[in-house]
Amino acid sequence: MPKPNKTAPRTERPITAPVFLRQHILRMTVTQFAAALGVDQSVISRYEDKGLLPEHHHKTVIKLAKARKIRVRPEWFTAVPWDPRAGVPA
């Protein structure tokens, strides 16, 4: 008789502003983003869980975006402009 699978189903993490910014705007991993901000990966996870990137990191994010030739938008720091799971807006 096969043993029951005891692994819990994986729940999808909500897309918060810091998650959206890191994954879909800057296209960085947690490790890369943490290194760029000069913090530990656990700090990035905390920011993403809370849905808030502290203001003292905004300048660094703006520099990262400009270095990648990405036009900076203030709403990146407060809201998710669109749901990436639904596709890119027209």
PDB file of N, CA and C in Angstrom:
ATOM      1  N   MET A   1       0.845  -1.187   0.000  1.00  0.00           N
ATOM      2  CA  MET A   1       0.000   0.000   0.000  1.00  0.00           C
ATOM      3  C   MET A   1       0.891   1.251   0.000  1.00  0.00           C
ATOM      4  N   PRO A   2       0.654   2.204  -0.929  1.00  0.00           N
ATOM      5  CA  PRO A   2       1.497   3.408  -0.981  1.00  0.00           C
ATOM      6  C   PRO A   2       1.255   4.321   0.214  1.00  0.00           C
ATOM      7  N   LYS A   3       2.316   4.989   0.613  1.00  0.00           N
ATOM      8  CA  LYS A   3       2.212   5.934   1.733  1.00  0.00           C
ATOM      9  C   LYS A   3       1.579   7.233   1.229  1.00  0.00           C
ATOM     10  N   PRO A   4       0.769   7.867   2.073  1.00  0.00           N
ATOM     11  CA  PRO A   4       0.168   9.138   1.658  1.00  0.00           C
ATOM     12  C   PRO A   4       1.247  10.223   1.558  1.00  0.00           C
ATOM     13  N   ASN A   5       1.050  11.115   0.628  1.00  0.00           N
ATOM     14  CA  ASN A   5       1.969  12.227   0.437  1.00  0.00           C
ATOM     15  C   ASN A   5       1.743  13.251   1.550  1.00  0.00           C
ATOM     16  N   LYS A   6       2.800  13.491   2.343  1.00  0.00           N
ATOM     17  CA  LYS A   6       2.654  14.396   3.487  1.00  0.00           C
ATOM     18  C   LYS A   6       3.110  15.824   3.185  1.00  0.00           C
ATOM     19  N   THR A   7       3.533  16.089   1.970  1.00  0.00           N
ATOM     20  CA  THR A   7       3.943  17.460   1.663  1.00  0.00           C
ATOM     21  C   THR A   7       2.716  18.339   1.477  1.00  0.00           C
ATOM     22  N   ALA A   8       2.788  19.479   2.077  1.00  0.00           N
ATOM     23  CA  ALA A   8       1.677  20.428   1.990  1.00  0.00           C
ATOM     24  C   ALA A   8       1.652  21.046   0.596  1.00  0.00           C
ATOM     25  N   PRO A   9       0.471  21.361   0.106  1.00  0.00           N
ATOM     26  CA  PRO A   9       0.413  22.019  -1.199  1.00  0.00           C
ATOM     27  C   PRO A   9       1.103  23.381  -1.126  1.00  0.00           C
ATOM     28  N   ARG A  10       1.820  23.706  -2.164  1.00  0.00           N
ATOM     29  CA  ARG A  10       2.540  24.985  -2.199  1.00  0.00           C
ATOM     30  C   ARG A  10       1.562  26.116  -2.465  1.00  0.00           C
ATOM     31  N   THR A  11       1.586  27.090  -1.588  1.00  0.00           N
ATOM     32  CA  THR A  11       0.697  28.234  -1.778  1.00  0.00           C
ATOM     33  C   THR A  11       1.476  29.335  -2.487  1.00  0.00           C
ATOM     34  N   GLU A  12       0.812  30.017  -3.378  1.00  0.00           N
ATOM     35  CA  GLU A  12       1.448  31.098  -4.112  1.00  0.00           C
ATOM     36  C   GLU A  12       1.570  32.313  -3.227  1.00  0.00           C
ATOM     37  N   ARG A  13       2.732  32.917  -3.272  1.00  0.00           N
ATOM     38  CA  ARG A  13       2.978  34.126  -2.499  1.00  0.00           C
ATOM     39  C   ARG A  13       2.270  35.296  -3.163  1.00  0.00           C
ATOM     40  N   PRO A  14       1.650  36.170  -2.380  1.00  0.00           N
ATOM     41  CA  PRO A  14       0.980  37.320  -2.994  1.00  0.00           C
ATOM     42  C   PRO A  14       2.010  38.248  -3.654  1.00  0.00           C
ATOM     43  N   ILE A  15       1.590  38.904  -4.706  1.00  0.00           N
ATOM     44  CA  ILE A  15       2.469  39.852  -5.394  1.00  0.00           C
ATOM     45  C   ILE A  15       2.326  41.200  -4.679  1.00  0.00           C
ATOM     46  N   THR A  16       3.337  41.544  -3.894  1.00  0.00           N
ATOM     47  CA  THR A  16       3.359  42.836  -3.213  1.00  0.00           C
ATOM     48  C   THR A  16       4.223  43.790  -4.038  1.00  0.00           C
ATOM     49  N   ALA A  17       4.201  45.065  -3.686  1.00  0.00           N
ATOM     50  CA  ALA A  17       4.981  46.053  -4.431  1.00  0.00           C
ATOM     51  C   ALA A  17       6.468  45.693  -4.504  1.00  0.00           C
ATOM     52  N   PRO A  18       7.126  45.305  -3.384  1.00  0.00           N
ATOM     53  CA  PRO A  18       8.544  44.941  -3.493  1.00  0.00           C
ATOM     54  C   PRO A  18       8.793  43.700  -4.362  1.00  0.00           C
ATOM     55  N   VAL A  19       7.894  42.725  -4.313  1.00  0.00           N
ATOM     56  CA  VAL A  19       8.037  41.523  -5.150  1.00  0.00           C
ATOM     57  C   VAL A  19       7.923  41.925  -6.617  1.00  0.00           C
ATOM     58  N   PHE A  20       6.908  42.710  -6.936  1.00  0.00           N
ATOM     59  CA  PHE A  20       6.690  43.168  -8.310  1.00  0.00           C
ATOM     60  C   PHE A  20       7.909  43.944  -8.808  1.00  0.00           C
ATOM     61  N   LEU A  21       8.378  44.849  -7.994  1.00  0.00           N
ATOM     62  CA  LEU A  21       9.526  45.680  -8.356  1.00  0.00           C
ATOM     63  C   LEU A  21      10.754  44.817  -8.640  1.00  0.00           C
ATOM     64  N   ARG A  22      11.054  43.889  -7.751  1.00  0.00           N
ATOM     65  CA  ARG A  22      12.239  43.046  -7.904  1.00  0.00           C
ATOM     66  C   ARG A  22      12.124  42.101  -9.098  1.00  0.00           C
ATOM     67  N   GLN A  23      10.990  41.395  -9.200  1.00  0.00           N
ATOM     68  CA  GLN A  23      10.843  40.366 -10.226  1.00  0.00           C
ATOM     69  C   GLN A  23      10.516  40.910 -11.608  1.00  0.00           C
ATOM     70  N   HIS A  24       9.598  41.853 -11.688  1.00  0.00           N
ATOM     71  CA  HIS A  24       9.055  42.253 -12.985  1.00  0.00           C
ATOM     72  C   HIS A  24       9.601  43.562 -13.534  1.00  0.00           C
ATOM     73  N   ILE A  25      10.128  44.408 -12.671  1.00  0.00           N
ATOM     74  CA  ILE A  25      10.707  45.662 -13.156  1.00  0.00           C
ATOM     75  C   ILE A  25      12.230  45.504 -13.273  1.00  0.00           C
ATOM     76  N   LEU A  26      12.877  45.153 -12.169  1.00  0.00           N
ATOM     77  CA  LEU A  26      14.336  45.030 -12.172  1.00  0.00           C
ATOM     78  C   LEU A  26      14.816  43.661 -12.646  1.00  0.00           C
ATOM     79  N   ARG A  27      13.938  42.678 -12.613  1.00  0.00           N
ATOM     80  CA  ARG A  27      14.271  41.302 -13.027  1.00  0.00           C
ATOM     81  C   ARG A  27      15.507  40.779 -12.304  1.00  0.00           C
ATOM     82  N   MET A  28      15.419  40.830 -10.976  1.00  0.00           N
ATOM     83  CA  MET A  28      16.528  40.388 -10.132  1.00  0.00           C
ATOM     84  C   MET A  28      16.072  39.257  -9.222  1.00  0.00           C
ATOM     85  N   THR A  29      17.021  38.431  -8.810  1.00  0.00           N
ATOM     86  CA  THR A  29      16.737  37.404  -7.816  1.00  0.00           C
ATOM     87  C   THR A  29      16.799  38.062  -6.438  1.00  0.00           C
ATOM     88  N   VAL A  30      16.348  37.337  -5.437  1.00  0.00           N
ATOM     89  CA  VAL A  30      16.428  37.852  -4.063  1.00  0.00           C
ATOM     90  C   VAL A  30      17.888  38.103  -3.709  1.00  0.00           C
ATOM     91  N   THR A  31      18.763  37.181  -4.094  1.00  0.00           N
ATOM     92  CA  THR A  31      20.194  37.316  -3.801  1.00  0.00           C
ATOM     93  C   THR A  31      20.769  38.574  -4.445  1.00  0.00           C
ATOM     94  N   GLN A  32      20.458  38.802  -5.704  1.00  0.00           N
ATOM     95  CA  GLN A  32      20.964  39.986  -6.406  1.00  0.00           C
ATOM     96  C   GLN A  32      20.422  41.278  -5.793  1.00  0.00           C
ATOM     97  N   PHE A  33      19.133  41.281  -5.487  1.00  0.00           N
ATOM     98  CA  PHE A  33      18.493  42.464  -4.922  1.00  0.00           C
ATOM     99  C   PHE A  33      19.060  42.775  -3.537  1.00  0.00           C
ATOM    100  N   ALA A  34      19.245  41.741  -2.729  1.00  0.00           N
ATOM    101  CA  ALA A  34      19.816  41.921  -1.392  1.00  0.00           C
ATOM    102  C   ALA A  34      21.221  42.505  -1.485  1.00  0.00           C
ATOM    103  N   ALA A  35      22.028  41.972  -2.400  1.00  0.00           N
ATOM    104  CA  ALA A  35      23.393  42.473  -2.570  1.00  0.00           C
ATOM    105  C   ALA A  35      23.386  43.941  -3.021  1.00  0.00           C
ATOM    106  N   ALA A  36      22.492  44.273  -3.941  1.00  0.00           N
ATOM    107  CA  ALA A  36      22.410  45.652  -4.438  1.00  0.00           C
ATOM    108  C   ALA A  36      22.016  46.633  -3.338  1.00  0.00           C
ATOM    109  N   LEU A  37      21.144  46.181  -2.429  1.00  0.00           N
ATOM    110  CA  LEU A  37      20.693  47.056  -1.338  1.00  0.00           C
ATOM    111  C   LEU A  37      21.604  46.979  -0.114  1.00  0.00           C
ATOM    112  N   GLY A  38      22.539  46.026  -0.122  1.00  0.00           N
ATOM    113  CA  GLY A  38      23.464  45.882   1.000  1.00  0.00           C
ATOM    114  C   GLY A  38      22.829  45.290   2.242  1.00  0.00           C
ATOM    115  N   VAL A  39      21.863  44.387   2.034  1.00  0.00           N
ATOM    116  CA  VAL A  39      21.192  43.730   3.162  1.00  0.00           C
ATOM    117  C   VAL A  39      21.209  42.213   2.956  1.00  0.00           C
ATOM    118  N   ASP A  40      20.794  41.492   3.975  1.00  0.00           N
ATOM    119  CA  ASP A  40      20.711  40.031   3.902  1.00  0.00           C
ATOM    120  C   ASP A  40      19.437  39.619   3.162  1.00  0.00           C
ATOM    121  N   GLN A  41      19.447  38.423   2.582  1.00  0.00           N
ATOM    122  CA  GLN A  41      18.271  37.935   1.859  1.00  0.00           C
ATOM    123  C   GLN A  41      17.029  37.869   2.743  1.00  0.00           C
ATOM    124  N   SER A  42      17.220  37.566   4.022  1.00  0.00           N
ATOM    125  CA  SER A  42      16.075  37.485   4.931  1.00  0.00           C
ATOM    126  C   SER A  42      15.389  38.843   5.090  1.00  0.00           C
ATOM    127  N   VAL A  43      16.163  39.912   4.964  1.00  0.00           N
ATOM    128  CA  VAL A  43      15.599  41.261   5.053  1.00  0.00           C
ATOM    129  C   VAL A  43      14.697  41.516   3.845  1.00  0.00           C
ATOM    130  N   ILE A  44      15.147  41.097   2.662  1.00  0.00           N
ATOM    131  CA  ILE A  44      14.328  41.253   1.458  1.00  0.00           C
ATOM    132  C   ILE A  44      13.026  40.468   1.606  1.00  0.00           C
ATOM    133  N   SER A  45      13.116  39.254   2.117  1.00  0.00           N
ATOM    134  CA  SER A  45      11.904  38.448   2.334  1.00  0.00           C
ATOM    135  C   SER A  45      10.937  39.148   3.278  1.00  0.00           C
ATOM    136  N   ARG A  46      11.479  39.762   4.313  1.00  0.00           N
ATOM    137  CA  ARG A  46      10.636  40.501   5.261  1.00  0.00           C
ATOM    138  C   ARG A  46       9.952  41.675   4.578  1.00  0.00           C
ATOM    139  N   TYR A  47      10.710  42.429   3.778  1.00  0.00           N
ATOM    140  CA  TYR A  47      10.134  43.561   3.039  1.00  0.00           C
ATOM    141  C   TYR A  47       9.011  43.069   2.120  1.00  0.00           C
ATOM    142  N   GLU A  48       9.275  41.968   1.420  1.00  0.00           N
ATOM    143  CA  GLU A  48       8.289  41.450   0.467  1.00  0.00           C
ATOM    144  C   GLU A  48       7.046  40.921   1.182  1.00  0.00           C
ATOM    145  N   ASP A  49       7.234  40.292   2.330  1.00  0.00           N
ATOM    146  CA  ASP A  49       6.084  39.805   3.101  1.00  0.00           C
ATOM    147  C   ASP A  49       5.224  40.959   3.611  1.00  0.00           C
ATOM    148  N   LYS A  50       5.874  42.024   4.060  1.00  0.00           N
ATOM    149  CA  LYS A  50       5.145  43.191   4.572  1.00  0.00           C
ATOM    150  C   LYS A  50       4.575  44.054   3.446  1.00  0.00           C
ATOM    151  N   GLY A  51       5.140  43.908   2.245  1.00  0.00           N
ATOM    152  CA  GLY A  51       4.652  44.685   1.106  1.00  0.00           C
ATOM    153  C   GLY A  51       5.153  46.106   1.076  1.00  0.00           C
ATOM    154  N   LEU A  52       6.301  46.346   1.725  1.00  0.00           N
ATOM    155  CA  LEU A  52       6.811  47.713   1.806  1.00  0.00           C
ATOM    156  C   LEU A  52       8.329  47.722   1.711  1.00  0.00           C
ATOM    157  N   LEU A  53       8.847  48.559   0.847  1.00  0.00           N
ATOM    158  CA  LEU A  53      10.292  48.763   0.748  1.00  0.00           C
ATOM    159  C   LEU A  53      10.590  50.089   1.440  1.00  0.00           C
ATOM    160  N   PRO A  54      11.395  50.067   2.511  1.00  0.00           N
ATOM    161  CA  PRO A  54      11.669  51.307   3.245  1.00  0.00           C
ATOM    162  C   PRO A  54      12.258  52.397   2.347  1.00  0.00           C
ATOM    163  N   GLU A  55      11.915  53.629   2.674  1.00  0.00           N
ATOM    164  CA  GLU A  55      12.321  54.781   1.858  1.00  0.00           C
ATOM    165  C   GLU A  55      13.828  54.909   1.690  1.00  0.00           C
ATOM    166  N   HIS A  56      14.600  54.485   2.687  1.00  0.00           N
ATOM    167  CA  HIS A  56      16.050  54.654   2.559  1.00  0.00           C
ATOM    168  C   HIS A  56      16.649  53.771   1.459  1.00  0.00           C
ATOM    169  N   HIS A  57      15.866  52.858   0.875  1.00  0.00           N
ATOM    170  CA  HIS A  57      16.335  52.038  -0.245  1.00  0.00           C
ATOM    171  C   HIS A  57      15.858  52.574  -1.602  1.00  0.00           C
ATOM    172  N   HIS A  58      14.990  53.549  -1.603  1.00  0.00           N
ATOM    173  CA  HIS A  58      14.419  54.052  -2.860  1.00  0.00           C
ATOM    174  C   HIS A  58      15.485  54.613  -3.805  1.00  0.00           C
ATOM    175  N   LYS A  59      16.458  55.353  -3.279  1.00  0.00           N
ATOM    176  CA  LYS A  59      17.505  55.932  -4.130  1.00  0.00           C
ATOM    177  C   LYS A  59      18.285  54.835  -4.853  1.00  0.00           C
ATOM    178  N   THR A  60      18.590  53.761  -4.129  1.00  0.00           N
ATOM    179  CA  THR A  60      19.344  52.653  -4.731  1.00  0.00           C
ATOM    180  C   THR A  60      18.523  51.997  -5.836  1.00  0.00           C
ATOM    181  N   VAL A  61      17.239  51.805  -5.599  1.00  0.00           N
ATOM    182  CA  VAL A  61      16.358  51.203  -6.603  1.00  0.00           C
ATOM    183  C   VAL A  61      16.281  52.103  -7.840  1.00  0.00           C
ATOM    184  N   ILE A  62      16.197  53.398  -7.627  1.00  0.00           N
ATOM    185  CA  ILE A  62      16.145  54.344  -8.747  1.00  0.00           C
ATOM    186  C   ILE A  62      17.438  54.263  -9.564  1.00  0.00           C
ATOM    187  N   LYS A  63      18.584  54.173  -8.884  1.00  0.00           N
ATOM    188  CA  LYS A  63      19.868  54.043  -9.589  1.00  0.00           C
ATOM    189  C   LYS A  63      19.925  52.732 -10.374  1.00  0.00           C
ATOM    190  N   LEU A  64      19.429  51.648  -9.780  1.00  0.00           N
ATOM    191  CA  LEU A  64      19.408  50.350 -10.475  1.00  0.00           C
ATOM    192  C   LEU A  64      18.553  50.429 -11.739  1.00  0.00           C
ATOM    193  N   ALA A  65      17.400  51.063 -11.620  1.00  0.00           N
ATOM    194  CA  ALA A  65      16.490  51.178 -12.761  1.00  0.00           C
ATOM    195  C   ALA A  65      17.121  52.028 -13.870  1.00  0.00           C
ATOM    196  N   LYS A  66      17.690  53.152 -13.499  1.00  0.00           N
ATOM    197  CA  LYS A  66      18.307  54.039 -14.491  1.00  0.00           C
ATOM    198  C   LYS A  66      19.484  53.361 -15.180  1.00  0.00           C
ATOM    199  N   ALA A  67      20.256  52.568 -14.440  1.00  0.00           N
ATOM    200  CA  ALA A  67      21.384  51.839 -15.033  1.00  0.00           C
ATOM    201  C   ALA A  67      20.894  50.834 -16.071  1.00  0.00           C
ATOM    202  N   ARG A  68      19.658  50.352 -15.887  1.00  0.00           N
ATOM    203  CA  ARG A  68      19.067  49.399 -16.838  1.00  0.00           C
ATOM    204  C   ARG A  68      18.208  50.114 -17.886  1.00  0.00           C
ATOM    205  N   LYS A  69      18.261  51.439 -17.879  1.00  0.00           N
ATOM    206  CA  LYS A  69      17.485  52.269 -18.812  1.00  0.00           C
ATOM    207  C   LYS A  69      15.971  52.032 -18.680  1.00  0.00           C
ATOM    208  N   ILE A  70      15.545  51.915 -17.437  1.00  0.00           N
ATOM    209  CA  ILE A  70      14.126  51.733 -17.124  1.00  0.00           C
ATOM    210  C   ILE A  70      13.608  53.049 -16.556  1.00  0.00           C
ATOM    211  N   ARG A  71      12.512  53.541 -17.132  1.00  0.00           N
ATOM    212  CA  ARG A  71      11.911  54.783 -16.638  1.00  0.00           C
ATOM    213  C   ARG A  71      11.311  54.546 -15.250  1.00  0.00           C
ATOM    214  N   VAL A  72      11.695  55.355 -14.300  1.00  0.00           N
ATOM    215  CA  VAL A  72      11.259  55.196 -12.905  1.00  0.00           C
ATOM    216  C   VAL A  72       9.845  55.728 -12.735  1.00  0.00           C
ATOM    217  N   ARG A  73       9.037  54.971 -11.999  1.00  0.00           N
ATOM    218  CA  ARG A  73       7.669  55.392 -11.688  1.00  0.00           C
ATOM    219  C   ARG A  73       7.477  55.357 -10.167  1.00  0.00           C
ATOM    220  N   PRO A  74       6.978  56.415  -9.579  1.00  0.00           N
ATOM    221  CA  PRO A  74       6.828  56.472  -8.122  1.00  0.00           C
ATOM    222  C   PRO A  74       5.915  55.386  -7.547  1.00  0.00           C
ATOM    223  N   GLU A  75       4.928  54.949  -8.326  1.00  0.00           N
ATOM    224  CA  GLU A  75       3.995  53.946  -7.794  1.00  0.00           C
ATOM    225  C   GLU A  75       4.641  52.589  -7.554  1.00  0.00           C
ATOM    226  N   TRP A  76       5.825  52.354  -8.080  1.00  0.00           N
ATOM    227  CA  TRP A  76       6.523  51.093  -7.826  1.00  0.00           C
ATOM    228  C   TRP A  76       6.688  50.837  -6.335  1.00  0.00           C
ATOM    229  N   PHE A  77       6.838  51.894  -5.570  1.00  0.00           N
ATOM    230  CA  PHE A  77       7.150  51.745  -4.151  1.00  0.00           C
ATOM    231  C   PHE A  77       5.914  51.556  -3.275  1.00  0.00           C
ATOM    232  N   THR A  78       4.739  51.725  -3.849  1.00  0.00           N
ATOM    233  CA  THR A  78       3.532  51.652  -3.021  1.00  0.00           C
ATOM    234  C   THR A  78       2.484  50.662  -3.498  1.00  0.00           C
ATOM    235  N   ALA A  79       2.501  50.316  -4.782  1.00  0.00           N
ATOM    236  CA  ALA A  79       1.419  49.472  -5.303  1.00  0.00           C
ATOM    237  C   ALA A  79       1.919  48.595  -6.445  1.00  0.00           C
ATOM    238  N   VAL A  80       1.137  47.566  -6.718  1.00  0.00           N
ATOM    239  CA  VAL A  80       1.399  46.702  -7.864  1.00  0.00           C
ATOM    240  C   VAL A  80       0.549  47.236  -9.011  1.00  0.00           C
ATOM    241  N   PRO A  81       1.188  47.772 -10.078  1.00  0.00           N
ATOM    242  CA  PRO A  81       0.423  48.406 -11.142  1.00  0.00           C
ATOM    243  C   PRO A  81      -0.467  47.455 -11.941  1.00  0.00           C
ATOM    244  N   TRP A  82      -0.105  46.183 -12.023  1.00  0.00           N
ATOM    245  CA  TRP A  82      -0.933  45.182 -12.713  1.00  0.00           C
ATOM    246  C   TRP A  82      -0.527  43.814 -12.213  1.00  0.00           C
ATOM    247  N   ASP A  83      -1.413  42.863 -12.349  1.00  0.00           N
ATOM    248  CA  ASP A  83      -1.137  41.507 -11.879  1.00  0.00           C
ATOM    249  C   ASP A  83      -0.349  40.758 -12.949  1.00  0.00           C
ATOM    250  N   PRO A  84       0.923  40.448 -12.693  1.00  0.00           N
ATOM    251  CA  PRO A  84       1.741  39.782 -13.691  1.00  0.00           C
ATOM    252  C   PRO A  84       1.223  38.393 -14.069  1.00  0.00           C
ATOM    253  N   ARG A  85       0.440  37.792 -13.205  1.00  0.00           N
ATOM    254  CA  ARG A  85      -0.123  36.463 -13.516  1.00  0.00           C
ATOM    255  C   ARG A  85      -1.202  36.570 -14.582  1.00  0.00           C
ATOM    256  N   ALA A  86      -1.748  37.783 -14.770  1.00  0.00           N
ATOM    257  CA  ALA A  86      -2.797  37.990 -15.766  1.00  0.00           C
ATOM    258  C   ALA A  86      -2.238  38.441 -17.109  1.00  0.00           C
ATOM    259  N   GLY A  87      -0.926  38.662 -17.160  1.00  0.00           N
ATOM    260  CA  GLY A  87      -0.315  39.107 -18.403  1.00  0.00           C
ATOM    261  C   GLY A  87      -0.003  40.588 -18.381  1.00  0.00           C
ATOM    262  N   VAL A  88       0.801  40.997 -19.318  1.00  0.00           N
ATOM    263  CA  VAL A  88       1.216  42.398 -19.408  1.00  0.00           C
ATOM    264  C   VAL A  88       0.066  43.234 -19.961  1.00  0.00           C
ATOM    265  N   PRO A  89      -0.197  44.397 -19.340  1.00  0.00           N
ATOM    266  CA  PRO A  89      -1.286  45.250 -19.854  1.00  0.00           C
ATOM    267  C   PRO A  89      -0.947  45.817 -21.227  1.00  0.00           C
ATOM    268  N   ALA A  90      -1.972  46.119 -21.966  1.00  0.00           N
ATOM    269  CA  ALA A  90      -1.770  46.667 -23.318  1.00  0.00           C
ATOM    270  C   ALA A  90      -1.375  48.118 -23.244  1.00  0.00           C
TER     271      ALA A  90
END
